[in-house]
Amino acid sequence: MSVTPQAFHLQQLAATEKYLIAYSGGVDSHVLLHLCAQLKNSPSGFEQSFSAVYIDHGLNPNAKKWGFHCQHICFELDIPLSIIEVDASPENGQSPEASARSARYQAFSQLLDDNDCLLTAQHLDDQAETLLLQLLRGSGTKGLSAMPRIKLFAKGFLCRPILDYRKKDILDYAKQHQLDWIEDESNAEERFDRNYLRHTVLPLLEKRWPATQENFAKSAEVLAESQLLLDEMAYSDIRSLFFINANGVTEHDKLLLEPMFKLLKLSQISLQQQKIPDHCHHHELARLNNVLRYWINLNNLPMPSKKILEQIVSGVIQAKEDAMPLVSWRRDTFYCEVRRYRNKLYLLDASPITKQTQKQQLTKGQVLDLIDNKGSIEFLSANKVQRDHFFNREKLLSKKLTIGFREGGERFRRTVNGQSHALKHWFQEQAIPPWERDRMPLIFWGDELIQAGNTVLSDPFSDVVSHVVNDALVIHWQRIKNK
C-alpha cells in the first residue's frame, strides 16, 4: 500500500484541535511529520494545529546533534518543535530500551492538554515485531493484541496514523520526497531483541511466507477484539467485588473475597477452608484469572506471569482466614504485591521504602512532598475537602506542626484531658493492614499526635468543629496510588 498525502485520513482517525507529533528525526517519524505538513498546507485548508517534540534521552552522544537536525527540518516545514531532555538512565534490573520508552512517554504525557492527540510513527513491521516479542514472552491476549491505532493517553489520545503501512512503503515515500532523515546506528545492533527479529527472524519468515507481516497484523486485530469481550466480562464480574469505604468512595486497589467466591459458585465452601475443590470447572478459574488481570491493568501495574497468577489464586485467595499471605513480582521499576487481610485482597505498588525517623515541619502555604511515593501533605480550606473534622485556623497554627512516621509506642488523647490510647490499637480497630501502617504519615501538634493519614485522632483544643466554617482548615494527605 503506497503512502500518499491523499490517503492520510488523520481527521477521520483522530479528530481533535491539536496534534503533537513525536519526532525523533528517523525516517518513520520524518514521514509522519511530512504527511502532517502536507495536510496543514492542503488547498482545502486545515484549521487544527500541529506541533512536534523531540525527546533527548541523553543515551547517545549524537543526541544533541540530532536535536539540531530536527529543529532545522521543523523550521522548513513550519511546524513548531519543542526539545525536551529526560533522564533515561535505567534503574536496577531495567533494560535501556524500557527505561528510554518510560521516560519518553512520561514526557509526552505532560505535554498533552485535554483532548490533545499524540501522533507516533509505528508501522506494520513494528506491529509484527511487537506481536513476536509478546509471543516469546508468553503474553496473553492483551499483550498479543499488540498496538491499537488509537487509544486513550494522559489527558487525550495516542494515535498511530501510519500503522497499516509497511516499512518499505515508508522508505519509498521518503525517497520520493527526498527527505533527509537520521540513521541511528543502534538500530543495526542485533543484541537488542527487536533488532534481531527485524533483521534476522522476520526476513527468514517472509522468504517462505511473503504475507507474514500482514497476517501477524490481522491476528493482532482479532486478538484485540477478543480482549474487548474479555474486558467486558471482567468489568461485569468485578463491579460487585470492589470495596466501598465509609465515605462511599470505591477503592479500586481492593477486592472483597466473599463475593468473589460467590461469583465463582464456591459460596458453599467455608471461608475457613477456602480450598477450591477438584471438581471445580476450569472455566471458573479462567474467569477468576480474567478478573485478576483486569484488576491489575486497571491499577496501572504490569501484568504478572501465568505462574505468579496461579500463586495469587492458590497462595493468597485460598489462604486460611487468619493468614496474611502475599505474592510479589517485579517489572522494570515496579514492585508489585497482592496481599490478603480481613477477607479483602490488596493490590500494591510495593516499592522499597526508606525508614524516615526525622520529622518534617509543615508550614502554611507549603506542599510537603513525602519520600518513597507516600504522597504529599498541605493545608486546605475546609470547603475544599469533604471531612468530618476541621481545625480552627488560629489554634492549629499556634504550635509547631510536624510530620513523622510510625516508630512504635505512639499514643494519642481524643480530648485534651482524656485517657491516652495506643496508636497500635487504633490501627487494629480501623482494620488498617500492617503493611500500610509504616507508610501512613502522622501529624503532631507540638508533642500531641492529632492525626493519622487523613483521620483526626485527637481534639487537642475545644475549637475543633464538625462543620465547615470560614476560618477552618484541614491537613490533607494526597496519596499516590501507583506510578
Protein backbone atom coordinates (compact mmCIF):
# COMPACT_ATOMS: atom_id res chain seq x y z
CA MET A 1 0.00 0.00 0.00
CA SER A 2 1.54 3.27 -1.13
CA VAL A 3 1.92 6.12 1.32
CA THR A 4 0.32 9.28 -0.10
CA PRO A 5 -0.96 12.52 1.43
CA GLN A 6 -4.35 11.80 -0.17
CA ALA A 7 -4.64 8.52 1.79
CA PHE A 8 -3.61 10.18 5.06
CA HIS A 9 -7.05 10.46 6.66
CA LEU A 10 -5.95 11.78 10.03
CA GLN A 11 -9.15 13.63 10.89
CA GLN A 12 -11.29 10.53 10.35
CA LEU A 13 -8.99 8.53 12.64
CA ALA A 14 -8.47 11.10 15.39
CA ALA A 15 -10.47 14.32 15.20
CA THR A 16 -9.16 16.97 17.60
CA GLU A 17 -7.96 20.57 17.65
CA LYS A 18 -4.28 19.98 18.48
CA TYR A 19 -1.87 17.30 17.30
CA LEU A 20 1.54 16.67 18.86
CA ILE A 21 3.98 14.72 16.66
CA ALA A 22 6.61 12.54 18.34
CA TYR A 23 9.59 13.34 16.11
CA SER A 24 12.92 11.56 16.56
CA GLY A 25 14.47 12.52 13.22
CA GLY A 26 14.35 8.94 11.95
CA VAL A 27 12.69 8.05 8.66
CA ASP A 28 9.40 6.85 10.16
CA SER A 29 8.69 9.96 12.24
CA HIS A 30 10.02 12.19 9.43
CA VAL A 31 7.48 10.71 7.00
CA LEU A 32 4.74 11.23 9.60
CA LEU A 33 5.89 14.83 10.11
CA HIS A 34 5.97 15.43 6.35
CA LEU A 35 2.46 14.00 5.87
CA CYS A 36 1.16 16.29 8.61
CA ALA A 37 2.83 19.27 6.94
CA GLN A 38 1.17 18.32 3.63
CA LEU A 39 -2.19 18.15 5.38
CA LYS A 40 -1.59 21.50 7.06
CA ASN A 41 -0.82 23.17 3.73
CA SER A 42 -3.54 21.42 1.71
CA PRO A 43 -5.72 23.61 -0.56
CA SER A 44 -8.86 22.57 1.31
CA GLY A 45 -7.45 24.14 4.47
CA PHE A 46 -6.75 22.57 7.84
CA GLU A 47 -7.64 24.60 10.93
CA GLN A 48 -6.23 22.21 13.52
CA SER A 49 -2.72 22.93 14.81
CA PHE A 50 0.40 20.77 14.63
CA SER A 51 3.48 20.86 16.82
CA ALA A 52 6.34 18.41 17.26
CA VAL A 53 8.52 17.27 20.16
CA TYR A 54 12.00 15.76 20.16
CA ILE A 55 12.99 13.81 23.27
CA ASP A 56 16.68 13.86 24.15
CA HIS A 57 17.26 10.72 26.23
CA GLY A 58 20.91 11.56 26.83
CA LEU A 59 21.86 7.97 25.98
CA ASN A 60 23.54 8.64 22.63
CA PRO A 61 26.45 11.08 22.16
CA ASN A 62 24.78 12.31 18.96
CA ALA A 63 21.51 13.22 20.68
CA LYS A 64 22.20 16.97 20.74
CA LYS A 65 23.19 16.96 17.07
CA TRP A 66 20.00 15.09 16.19
CA GLY A 67 18.02 17.74 18.07
CA PHE A 68 19.54 20.47 15.88
CA HIS A 69 18.65 18.43 12.79
CA CYS A 70 15.03 18.15 13.97
CA GLN A 71 14.91 21.90 14.58
CA HIS A 72 16.06 22.55 11.01
CA ILE A 73 13.50 20.16 9.46
CA CYS A 74 10.62 21.55 11.52
CA PHE A 75 11.61 25.11 10.60
CA GLU A 76 11.48 24.20 6.91
CA LEU A 77 8.05 22.59 7.33
CA ASP A 78 6.75 25.44 9.50
CA ILE A 79 5.87 23.15 12.43
CA PRO A 80 6.87 24.34 15.93
CA LEU A 81 9.28 22.00 17.74
CA SER A 82 9.98 21.52 21.44
CA ILE A 83 13.13 19.75 22.63
CA ILE A 84 12.87 18.04 26.00
CA GLU A 85 15.74 16.44 27.88
CA VAL A 86 14.89 13.47 30.08
CA ASP A 87 16.84 11.22 32.38
CA ALA A 88 16.51 7.78 30.78
CA SER A 89 19.17 6.06 32.86
CA PRO A 90 17.93 2.53 33.56
CA GLU A 91 17.25 1.58 37.14
CA ASN A 92 18.47 -1.68 38.62
CA GLY A 93 17.03 -4.56 36.59
CA GLN A 94 15.59 -2.29 33.88
CA SER A 95 16.67 -2.52 30.23
CA PRO A 96 17.89 0.65 28.47
CA GLU A 97 15.07 0.35 25.91
CA ALA A 98 12.40 0.10 28.62
CA SER A 99 13.93 2.99 30.55
CA ALA A 100 14.05 5.22 27.46
CA ARG A 101 10.49 4.36 26.50
CA SER A 102 9.20 5.05 30.01
CA ALA A 103 10.97 8.42 30.20
CA ARG A 104 9.80 9.34 26.69
CA TYR A 105 6.12 8.64 27.30
CA GLN A 106 6.22 10.30 30.69
CA ALA A 107 7.45 13.46 28.95
CA PHE A 108 4.76 13.15 26.25
CA SER A 109 2.02 12.80 28.87
CA GLN A 110 2.96 16.11 30.48
CA LEU A 111 2.63 17.99 27.19
CA LEU A 112 -0.94 16.99 26.38
CA ASP A 113 -3.91 19.12 27.35
CA ASP A 114 -7.49 17.87 27.37
CA ASN A 115 -8.37 16.03 24.13
CA ASP A 116 -4.99 16.68 22.51
CA CYS A 117 -3.67 13.85 20.32
CA LEU A 118 -0.13 12.49 20.36
CA LEU A 119 0.92 11.08 16.97
CA THR A 120 3.57 8.35 16.85
CA ALA A 121 5.09 6.67 13.80
CA GLN A 122 4.81 2.93 14.42
CA HIS A 123 4.08 0.93 11.26
CA LEU A 124 3.09 -2.58 10.18
CA ASP A 125 6.59 -4.01 10.63
CA ASP A 126 6.67 -2.66 14.18
CA GLN A 127 3.33 -4.36 14.81
CA ALA A 128 4.69 -7.72 13.65
CA GLU A 129 7.82 -7.32 15.79
CA THR A 130 5.71 -6.45 18.82
CA LEU A 131 3.48 -9.49 18.34
CA LEU A 132 6.52 -11.79 18.08
CA LEU A 133 8.15 -10.27 21.16
CA GLN A 134 4.96 -10.75 23.16
CA LEU A 135 4.68 -14.36 21.99
CA LEU A 136 8.26 -15.04 23.07
CA ARG A 137 7.47 -13.54 26.49
CA GLY A 138 4.46 -15.84 26.91
CA SER A 139 1.98 -12.95 26.90
CA GLY A 140 -1.77 -13.42 26.99
CA THR A 141 -4.50 -12.00 24.78
CA LYS A 142 -3.93 -8.41 25.89
CA GLY A 143 -0.21 -8.48 25.11
CA LEU A 144 -0.77 -10.24 21.79
CA SER A 145 -3.29 -7.58 20.77
CA ALA A 146 -0.15 -5.52 20.14
CA MET A 147 -0.64 -1.83 19.30
CA PRO A 148 -4.05 -0.20 18.62
CA ARG A 149 -4.39 2.57 16.07
CA ILE A 150 -5.79 4.88 18.71
CA LYS A 151 -6.18 4.75 22.50
CA LEU A 152 -6.67 7.00 25.49
CA PHE A 153 -3.41 8.52 26.72
CA ALA A 154 -2.84 11.03 29.54
CA LYS A 155 -5.46 13.79 29.12
CA GLY A 156 -6.03 12.99 25.45
CA PHE A 157 -5.25 10.30 22.92
CA LEU A 158 -2.37 8.45 21.31
CA CYS A 159 -2.78 7.76 17.62
CA ARG A 160 -0.63 5.73 15.17
CA PRO A 161 -1.78 7.00 11.75
CA ILE A 162 0.72 5.01 9.63
CA LEU A 163 0.26 1.68 11.44
CA ASP A 164 -1.13 0.00 8.28
CA TYR A 165 1.91 0.85 6.12
CA ARG A 166 4.95 -1.36 5.54
CA LYS A 167 8.43 -0.08 6.24
CA LYS A 168 9.36 -0.36 2.56
CA ASP A 169 6.39 1.86 1.64
CA ILE A 170 7.55 4.46 4.16
CA LEU A 171 11.07 4.36 2.72
CA ASP A 172 9.67 4.73 -0.81
CA TYR A 173 7.77 7.85 0.27
CA ALA A 174 10.87 9.31 1.96
CA LYS A 175 12.98 8.77 -1.16
CA GLN A 176 10.29 10.10 -3.47
CA HIS A 177 10.12 13.36 -1.49
CA GLN A 178 13.91 13.46 -0.95
CA LEU A 179 13.58 13.61 2.83
CA ASP A 180 16.71 13.97 4.94
CA TRP A 181 16.49 11.68 7.95
CA ILE A 182 18.75 10.40 10.74
CA GLU A 183 20.08 6.85 10.80
CA ASP A 184 20.52 5.72 14.39
CA GLU A 185 23.41 3.23 14.35
CA SER A 186 21.93 1.36 17.31
CA ASN A 187 19.07 0.17 15.07
CA ALA A 188 21.51 -2.26 13.43
CA GLU A 189 22.72 -3.81 16.70
CA GLU A 190 21.23 -7.30 16.92
CA ARG A 191 22.00 -7.62 20.63
CA PHE A 192 18.65 -5.87 21.05
CA ASP A 193 15.74 -8.32 20.74
CA ARG A 194 13.64 -6.17 18.44
CA ASN A 195 16.53 -5.58 16.05
CA TYR A 196 17.29 -9.31 15.94
CA LEU A 197 13.70 -10.04 14.96
CA ARG A 198 13.75 -7.20 12.41
CA HIS A 199 16.99 -8.11 10.67
CA THR A 200 17.18 -11.90 11.06
CA VAL A 201 13.93 -13.62 12.04
CA LEU A 202 11.25 -11.76 10.06
CA PRO A 203 13.16 -11.75 6.73
CA LEU A 204 13.56 -15.51 7.10
CA LEU A 205 9.84 -15.95 7.75
CA GLU A 206 8.91 -13.70 4.84
CA LYS A 207 11.14 -15.67 2.49
CA ARG A 208 8.83 -18.65 2.95
CA TRP A 209 5.57 -16.81 3.83
CA PRO A 210 5.57 -13.44 2.00
CA ALA A 211 2.44 -12.20 3.77
CA THR A 212 3.89 -12.79 7.26
CA GLN A 213 3.70 -9.18 8.42
CA GLU A 214 0.16 -8.59 7.15
CA ASN A 215 -1.08 -11.86 8.68
CA PHE A 216 0.52 -11.03 12.01
CA ALA A 217 -1.30 -7.69 11.98
CA LYS A 218 -4.62 -9.44 11.22
CA SER A 219 -4.05 -11.83 14.12
CA ALA A 220 -3.30 -8.91 16.43
CA GLU A 221 -6.60 -7.25 15.42
CA VAL A 222 -8.59 -10.45 16.05
CA LEU A 223 -6.92 -10.84 19.45
CA ALA A 224 -7.71 -7.21 20.25
CA GLU A 225 -11.40 -7.90 19.53
CA SER A 226 -11.28 -10.95 21.79
CA GLN A 227 -9.68 -8.85 24.53
CA LEU A 228 -12.54 -6.35 24.32
CA LEU A 229 -15.01 -9.16 25.06
CA LEU A 230 -12.86 -10.41 27.94
CA ASP A 231 -12.70 -6.89 29.37
CA GLU A 232 -16.47 -6.54 29.16
CA MET A 233 -16.91 -9.81 31.04
CA ALA A 234 -14.31 -8.83 33.64
CA TYR A 235 -15.96 -5.43 34.19
CA SER A 236 -19.31 -7.12 34.70
CA ASP A 237 -17.77 -9.57 37.19
CA ILE A 238 -15.63 -7.14 39.14
CA ARG A 239 -18.22 -4.46 39.91
CA SER A 240 -19.59 -6.43 42.86
CA LEU A 241 -16.08 -7.15 44.18
CA PHE A 242 -14.84 -3.59 44.71
CA PHE A 243 -14.52 -2.30 48.26
CA ILE A 244 -16.50 0.88 49.01
CA ASN A 245 -15.17 2.78 52.02
CA ALA A 246 -17.11 4.67 54.70
CA ASN A 247 -17.14 7.83 52.57
CA GLY A 248 -18.79 6.00 49.69
CA VAL A 249 -15.60 6.01 47.61
CA THR A 250 -14.78 2.91 45.57
CA GLU A 251 -11.22 1.78 46.28
CA HIS A 252 -10.14 0.06 43.08
CA ASP A 253 -7.00 -1.46 44.61
CA LYS A 254 -9.06 -3.66 46.95
CA LEU A 255 -11.38 -6.59 46.20
CA LEU A 256 -13.82 -8.34 48.53
CA LEU A 257 -13.22 -12.05 48.84
CA GLU A 258 -16.65 -13.33 49.84
CA PRO A 259 -18.48 -12.12 46.70
CA MET A 260 -15.52 -13.40 44.70
CA PHE A 261 -16.27 -16.92 45.90
CA LYS A 262 -19.94 -16.42 45.14
CA LEU A 263 -19.01 -15.25 41.66
CA LEU A 264 -17.13 -18.49 41.18
CA LYS A 265 -20.04 -20.54 42.54
CA LEU A 266 -17.91 -21.53 45.50
CA SER A 267 -20.01 -19.90 48.22
CA GLN A 268 -20.80 -23.31 49.66
CA ILE A 269 -17.14 -23.66 50.63
CA SER A 270 -16.44 -22.25 54.08
CA LEU A 271 -14.03 -19.34 54.20
CA GLN A 272 -12.13 -21.29 56.83
CA GLN A 273 -11.32 -23.97 54.27
CA GLN A 274 -11.07 -21.74 51.22
CA LYS A 275 -9.91 -24.60 49.07
CA ILE A 276 -11.13 -24.90 45.52
CA PRO A 277 -12.38 -28.50 45.04
CA ASP A 278 -11.02 -30.83 42.42
CA HIS A 279 -14.31 -30.87 40.54
CA CYS A 280 -14.29 -27.07 40.11
CA HIS A 281 -14.75 -26.33 36.45
CA HIS A 282 -11.73 -25.00 34.62
CA HIS A 283 -13.76 -22.13 33.15
CA GLU A 284 -14.42 -20.79 36.68
CA LEU A 285 -10.69 -20.46 37.30
CA ALA A 286 -10.26 -18.91 33.87
CA ARG A 287 -12.96 -16.40 34.78
CA LEU A 288 -11.17 -15.57 38.03
CA ASN A 289 -7.87 -15.12 36.20
CA ASN A 290 -9.61 -12.78 33.77
CA VAL A 291 -10.89 -10.67 36.67
CA LEU A 292 -7.43 -10.55 38.26
CA ARG A 293 -5.77 -9.46 35.01
CA TYR A 294 -8.38 -6.74 34.52
CA TRP A 295 -7.91 -5.57 38.13
CA ILE A 296 -4.12 -5.35 37.79
CA ASN A 297 -4.35 -3.47 34.49
CA LEU A 298 -6.98 -1.10 35.94
CA ASN A 299 -4.45 -0.12 38.62
CA ASN A 300 -1.73 0.62 36.05
CA LEU A 301 0.56 -2.15 37.24
CA PRO A 302 2.44 -4.57 34.97
CA MET A 303 0.91 -7.96 34.29
CA PRO A 304 2.41 -10.89 36.22
CA SER A 305 3.38 -14.17 34.61
CA LYS A 306 0.94 -17.09 34.46
CA LYS A 307 2.90 -18.75 37.28
CA ILE A 308 2.54 -15.68 39.51
CA LEU A 309 -1.18 -15.52 38.70
CA GLU A 310 -1.54 -19.15 39.80
CA GLN A 311 0.27 -18.29 43.05
CA ILE A 312 -2.17 -15.43 43.69
CA VAL A 313 -5.08 -17.88 43.38
CA SER A 314 -3.56 -20.75 45.34
CA GLY A 315 -1.38 -18.89 47.84
CA VAL A 316 -3.42 -15.77 48.58
CA ILE A 317 -7.09 -16.23 47.67
CA GLN A 318 -7.13 -19.79 49.06
CA ALA A 319 -5.11 -18.98 52.18
CA LYS A 320 -6.52 -19.66 55.63
CA GLU A 321 -8.69 -16.97 57.14
CA ASP A 322 -6.16 -15.94 59.79
CA ALA A 323 -3.22 -15.84 57.37
CA MET A 324 -1.73 -12.71 55.80
CA PRO A 325 -0.15 -14.14 52.63
CA LEU A 326 1.47 -12.20 49.83
CA VAL A 327 2.67 -12.83 46.30
CA SER A 328 5.06 -10.37 44.68
CA TRP A 329 6.54 -9.70 41.24
CA ARG A 330 8.73 -7.06 39.68
CA ARG A 331 8.77 -5.46 36.23
CA ASP A 332 11.16 -2.63 35.39
CA THR A 333 10.75 -0.04 38.18
CA PHE A 334 7.56 -1.55 39.56
CA TYR A 335 7.47 -3.66 42.73
CA CYS A 336 4.05 -5.30 42.87
CA GLU A 337 2.29 -7.27 45.58
CA VAL A 338 -1.05 -8.93 46.13
CA ARG A 339 -1.88 -9.40 49.82
CA ARG A 340 -4.83 -10.57 51.83
CA TYR A 341 -6.14 -9.08 55.09
CA ARG A 342 -9.52 -9.47 56.75
CA ASN A 343 -11.23 -11.01 53.73
CA LYS A 344 -10.01 -8.43 51.26
CA LEU A 345 -7.40 -8.62 48.52
CA TYR A 346 -4.99 -5.70 48.26
CA LEU A 347 -3.02 -4.77 45.14
CA LEU A 348 0.08 -2.74 45.97
CA ASP A 349 2.87 -0.83 44.34
CA ALA A 350 5.33 -2.01 46.98
CA SER A 351 8.46 -0.06 46.08
CA PRO A 352 11.08 -0.27 48.86
CA ILE A 353 10.67 2.44 51.49
CA THR A 354 13.35 4.37 53.29
CA LYS A 355 12.99 4.40 57.06
CA GLN A 356 12.30 8.04 57.90
CA THR A 357 12.90 8.97 61.53
CA GLN A 358 13.42 12.72 61.09
CA LYS A 359 10.19 14.69 61.40
CA GLN A 360 9.41 17.35 58.77
CA GLN A 361 7.83 20.67 59.66
CA LEU A 362 4.61 21.69 57.92
CA THR A 363 4.01 25.40 57.35
CA LYS A 364 1.12 27.35 55.90
CA GLY A 365 1.15 27.64 52.10
CA GLN A 366 3.60 24.73 51.72
CA VAL A 367 3.06 21.46 49.90
CA LEU A 368 5.24 18.94 51.71
CA ASP A 369 6.37 16.06 49.49
CA LEU A 370 6.86 12.77 51.30
CA ILE A 371 9.60 10.37 50.22
CA ASP A 372 9.09 6.98 48.55
CA ASN A 373 5.83 7.88 46.78
CA LYS A 374 3.90 8.31 50.02
CA GLY A 375 2.31 11.43 48.53
CA SER A 376 2.17 14.99 49.82
CA ILE A 377 0.64 16.97 52.69
CA GLU A 378 -0.73 20.51 52.72
CA PHE A 379 -3.23 22.80 54.42
CA LEU A 380 -6.54 23.19 52.60
CA SER A 381 -9.56 25.33 53.33
CA ALA A 382 -12.36 23.33 54.89
CA ASN A 383 -14.72 23.96 51.98
CA LYS A 384 -12.36 22.20 49.54
CA VAL A 385 -12.33 18.76 51.17
CA GLN A 386 -15.10 16.51 52.44
CA ARG A 387 -14.11 15.69 56.01
CA ASP A 388 -15.86 15.11 59.35
CA HIS A 389 -13.46 17.24 61.41
CA PHE A 390 -11.84 20.61 60.77
CA PHE A 391 -9.35 22.60 62.77
CA ASN A 392 -9.70 26.20 63.85
CA ARG A 393 -7.06 28.05 61.83
CA GLU A 394 -5.71 30.25 64.64
CA LYS A 395 -5.48 27.45 67.20
CA LEU A 396 -3.94 24.98 64.75
CA LEU A 397 -1.18 27.38 63.72
CA SER A 398 -0.40 28.38 67.30
CA LYS A 399 2.00 25.44 67.72
CA LYS A 400 4.64 23.80 65.56
CA LEU A 401 3.19 21.16 63.22
CA THR A 402 5.42 18.26 62.22
CA ILE A 403 5.00 15.17 60.07
CA GLY A 404 6.53 11.86 61.10
CA PHE A 405 6.06 8.14 60.62
CA ARG A 406 5.44 5.28 62.97
CA GLU A 407 8.34 4.22 65.17
CA GLY A 408 6.35 2.23 67.76
CA GLY A 409 4.75 3.17 71.07
CA GLU A 410 2.86 6.25 69.81
CA ARG A 411 -0.18 7.31 71.86
CA PHE A 412 -2.88 9.95 71.49
CA ARG A 413 -5.70 11.53 73.50
CA ARG A 414 -9.14 12.01 71.99
CA THR A 415 -9.63 15.11 74.22
CA VAL A 416 -7.09 17.32 75.94
CA ASN A 417 -7.61 15.75 79.39
CA GLY A 418 -8.77 12.34 78.23
CA GLN A 419 -7.22 8.92 78.61
CA SER A 420 -4.37 8.10 76.24
CA HIS A 421 -4.79 5.40 73.61
CA ALA A 422 -2.21 3.30 71.80
CA LEU A 423 -1.93 4.06 68.08
CA LYS A 424 -1.32 0.33 67.55
CA HIS A 425 -4.79 -0.47 68.87
CA TRP A 426 -6.36 2.23 66.71
CA PHE A 427 -4.77 0.68 63.61
CA GLN A 428 -6.28 -2.66 64.57
CA GLU A 429 -9.73 -1.16 65.27
CA GLN A 430 -9.72 0.58 61.90
CA ALA A 431 -8.64 -2.62 60.10
CA ILE A 432 -5.66 -0.83 58.58
CA PRO A 433 -3.39 -3.52 57.12
CA PRO A 434 0.00 -3.89 58.84
CA TRP A 435 1.99 -3.00 55.68
CA GLU A 436 0.17 0.35 55.37
CA ARG A 437 0.87 1.49 58.91
CA ASP A 438 4.52 2.42 58.38
CA ARG A 439 3.60 4.41 55.24
CA MET A 440 0.86 6.48 56.88
CA PRO A 441 2.02 9.98 57.88
CA LEU A 442 1.41 11.08 61.47
CA ILE A 443 0.72 14.75 62.23
CA PHE A 444 1.90 16.20 65.54
CA TRP A 445 0.68 19.48 67.09
CA GLY A 446 3.57 20.27 69.34
CA ASP A 447 4.10 16.93 71.05
CA GLU A 448 0.49 15.79 70.63
CA LEU A 449 -0.41 13.25 67.95
CA ILE A 450 -3.56 14.71 66.38
CA GLN A 451 -3.98 12.99 63.00
CA ALA A 452 -3.03 9.79 61.16
CA GLY A 453 -3.30 9.96 57.38
CA ASN A 454 -6.50 11.94 56.82
CA THR A 455 -8.18 10.85 60.07
CA VAL A 456 -8.29 13.24 63.01
CA LEU A 457 -7.41 11.26 66.15
CA SER A 458 -7.41 13.95 68.78
CA ASP A 459 -9.24 17.15 69.65
CA PRO A 460 -6.34 18.88 71.42
CA PHE A 461 -8.36 22.05 71.81
CA SER A 462 -12.07 22.69 72.08
CA ASP A 463 -12.27 24.59 68.81
CA VAL A 464 -12.29 21.55 66.59
CA VAL A 465 -15.56 21.82 64.73
CA SER A 466 -17.63 19.31 62.79
CA HIS A 467 -18.97 21.69 60.14
CA VAL A 468 -17.46 23.95 57.52
CA VAL A 469 -16.65 27.50 58.67
CA ASN A 470 -14.67 30.24 57.02
CA ASP A 471 -11.65 30.01 59.31
CA ALA A 472 -11.45 26.19 59.33
CA LEU A 473 -8.51 24.21 57.94
CA VAL A 474 -7.82 20.59 57.17
CA ILE A 475 -4.44 18.88 56.94
CA HIS A 476 -4.80 16.91 53.73
CA TRP A 477 -2.72 13.90 52.74
CA GLN A 478 -2.78 13.33 48.98
CA ARG A 479 -1.87 9.69 48.49
CA ILE A 480 -0.07 8.41 45.40
CA LYS A 481 -1.52 5.07 44.45
CA ASN A 482 0.54 3.72 41.58
CA LYS A 483 3.17 5.12 39.23
